[in-house]
C-alpha atoms as a PDB file:
ATOM      1  CA  MET A   1     -11.145  21.288  -5.569  1.00  0.00           C
ATOM      2  CA  ALA A   2      -9.325  20.704  -2.341  1.00  0.00           C
ATOM      3  CA  SER A   3      -7.656  17.360  -1.880  1.00  0.00           C
ATOM      4  CA  ARG A   4      -6.904  15.763   1.457  1.00  0.00           C
ATOM      5  CA  PRO A   5      -4.336  13.096   2.103  1.00  0.00           C
ATOM      6  CA  LEU A   6      -5.435   9.608   3.073  1.00  0.00           C
ATOM      7  CA  ALA A   7      -6.428   9.947   6.720  1.00  0.00           C
ATOM      8  CA  PHE A   8      -6.380   6.207   7.299  1.00  0.00           C
ATOM      9  CA  GLY A   9      -4.536   3.195   5.985  1.00  0.00           C
ATOM     10  CA  ILE A  10      -5.564   0.077   4.185  1.00  0.00           C
ATOM     11  CA  ARG A  11      -4.311  -3.302   5.356  1.00  0.00           C
ATOM     12  CA  PHE A  12      -5.290  -6.760   4.146  1.00  0.00           C
ATOM     13  CA  ARG A  13      -3.855  -9.824   5.848  1.00  0.00           C
ATOM     14  CA  GLN A  14      -4.171 -13.491   4.967  1.00  0.00           C
ATOM     15  CA  ALA A  15      -1.968 -16.526   5.660  1.00  0.00           C
ATOM     16  CA  GLY A  16       1.183 -14.595   6.624  1.00  0.00           C
ATOM     17  CA  ARG A  17       0.862 -12.081   3.807  1.00  0.00           C
ATOM     18  CA  THR A  18       0.123  -8.408   4.596  1.00  0.00           C
ATOM     19  CA  VAL A  19      -0.464  -5.668   2.020  1.00  0.00           C
ATOM     20  CA  ARG A  20      -0.800  -2.068   3.276  1.00  0.00           C
ATOM     21  CA  VAL A  21      -1.285   1.423   1.807  1.00  0.00           C
ATOM     22  CA  ARG A  22      -0.591   4.489   3.889  1.00  0.00           C
ATOM     23  CA  ALA A  23       0.281   8.121   3.478  1.00  0.00           C
ATOM     24  CA  HIS A  24       3.978   8.918   3.112  1.00  0.00           C
ATOM     25  CA  GLU A  25       5.592  10.161   6.342  1.00  0.00           C
ATOM     26  CA  ARG A  26       7.180  13.308   4.901  1.00  0.00           C
ATOM     27  CA  ASP A  27       4.978  14.152   1.916  1.00  0.00           C
ATOM     28  CA  PRO A  28       1.219  13.763   2.503  1.00  0.00           C
ATOM     29  CA  GLN A  29       0.584  13.915  -1.256  1.00  0.00           C
ATOM     30  CA  ARG A  30       2.443  10.649  -1.825  1.00  0.00           C
ATOM     31  CA  TYR A  31       1.514   7.108  -0.740  1.00  0.00           C
ATOM     32  CA  VAL A  32       3.503   4.016   0.238  1.00  0.00           C
ATOM     33  CA  LEU A  33       2.563   0.416  -0.533  1.00  0.00           C
ATOM     34  CA  GLU A  34       4.130  -2.236   1.738  1.00  0.00           C
ATOM     35  CA  VAL A  35       4.098  -5.965   1.094  1.00  0.00           C
ATOM     36  CA  GLN A  36       5.203  -8.334   3.836  1.00  0.00           C
ATOM     37  CA  ARG A  37       5.315 -12.114   3.467  1.00  0.00           C
ATOM     38  CA  GLY A  38       6.373 -14.470   6.232  1.00  0.00           C
ATOM     39  CA  GLY A  39       9.885 -13.782   7.422  1.00  0.00           C
ATOM     40  CA  ARG A  40      10.937 -11.906   4.261  1.00  0.00           C
ATOM     41  CA  PRO A  41      11.889  -8.211   4.366  1.00  0.00           C
ATOM     42  CA  ILE A  42       9.134  -5.672   3.737  1.00  0.00           C
ATOM     43  CA  ARG A  43       8.925  -4.435   0.130  1.00  0.00           C
ATOM     44  CA  ARG A  44       8.004  -0.736  -0.170  1.00  0.00           C
ATOM     45  CA  ARG A  45       6.832   1.146  -3.221  1.00  0.00           C
ATOM     46  CA  GLU A  46       6.114   4.826  -3.384  1.00  0.00           C
ATOM     47  CA  HIS A  47       3.320   6.304  -5.522  1.00  0.00           C
ATOM     48  CA  ALA A  48       2.581   9.875  -6.514  1.00  0.00           C
ATOM     49  CA  SER A  49      -1.175   9.495  -6.322  1.00  0.00           C
ATOM     50  CA  LEU A  50      -3.771   7.522  -4.377  1.00  0.00           C
ATOM     51  CA  PRO A  51      -5.314   5.871  -7.490  1.00  0.00           C
ATOM     52  CA  ALA A  52      -1.873   4.564  -8.507  1.00  0.00           C
ATOM     53  CA  ALA A  53      -1.257   3.188  -4.993  1.00  0.00           C
ATOM     54  CA  LEU A  54      -4.690   1.504  -4.917  1.00  0.00           C
ATOM     55  CA  GLN A  55      -4.164  -0.033  -8.324  1.00  0.00           C
ATOM     56  CA  ASP A  56      -0.839  -1.478  -7.185  1.00  0.00           C
ATOM     57  CA  PHE A  57      -2.484  -2.595  -3.903  1.00  0.00           C
ATOM     58  CA  ALA A  58      -5.066  -4.549  -5.876  1.00  0.00           C
ATOM     59  CA  ALA A  59      -2.434  -6.131  -8.112  1.00  0.00           C
ATOM     60  CA  ARG A  60      -0.264  -7.170  -5.180  1.00  0.00           C
ATOM     61  CA  TRP A  61      -3.245  -8.629  -3.274  1.00  0.00           C
ATOM     62  CA  ARG A  62      -4.295 -10.641  -6.305  1.00  0.00           C
ATOM     63  CA  GLU A  63      -0.770 -12.083  -6.510  1.00  0.00           C
ATOM     64  CA  ARG A  64      -1.561 -14.321  -3.536  1.00  0.00           C
ATOM     65  CA  LEU A  65      -3.945 -16.293  -5.751  1.00  0.00           C
ATOM     66  CA  HIS A  66      -1.155 -17.470  -8.075  1.00  0.00           C
END
């Protein structure tokens, strides 16, 4: 089965917090999760697969509730 890289990104934003998933710039088989809050530096995490990146995305987005 052929696999295609993520052709689009995911971005959720609420109350100064932004969580994004996008394809890696150099390796289209990897994904980058970015978390930005207020004036703090952007935190980046790299993932080897899209399911891993989406799972981390969901966990980081739920963090805003606590």
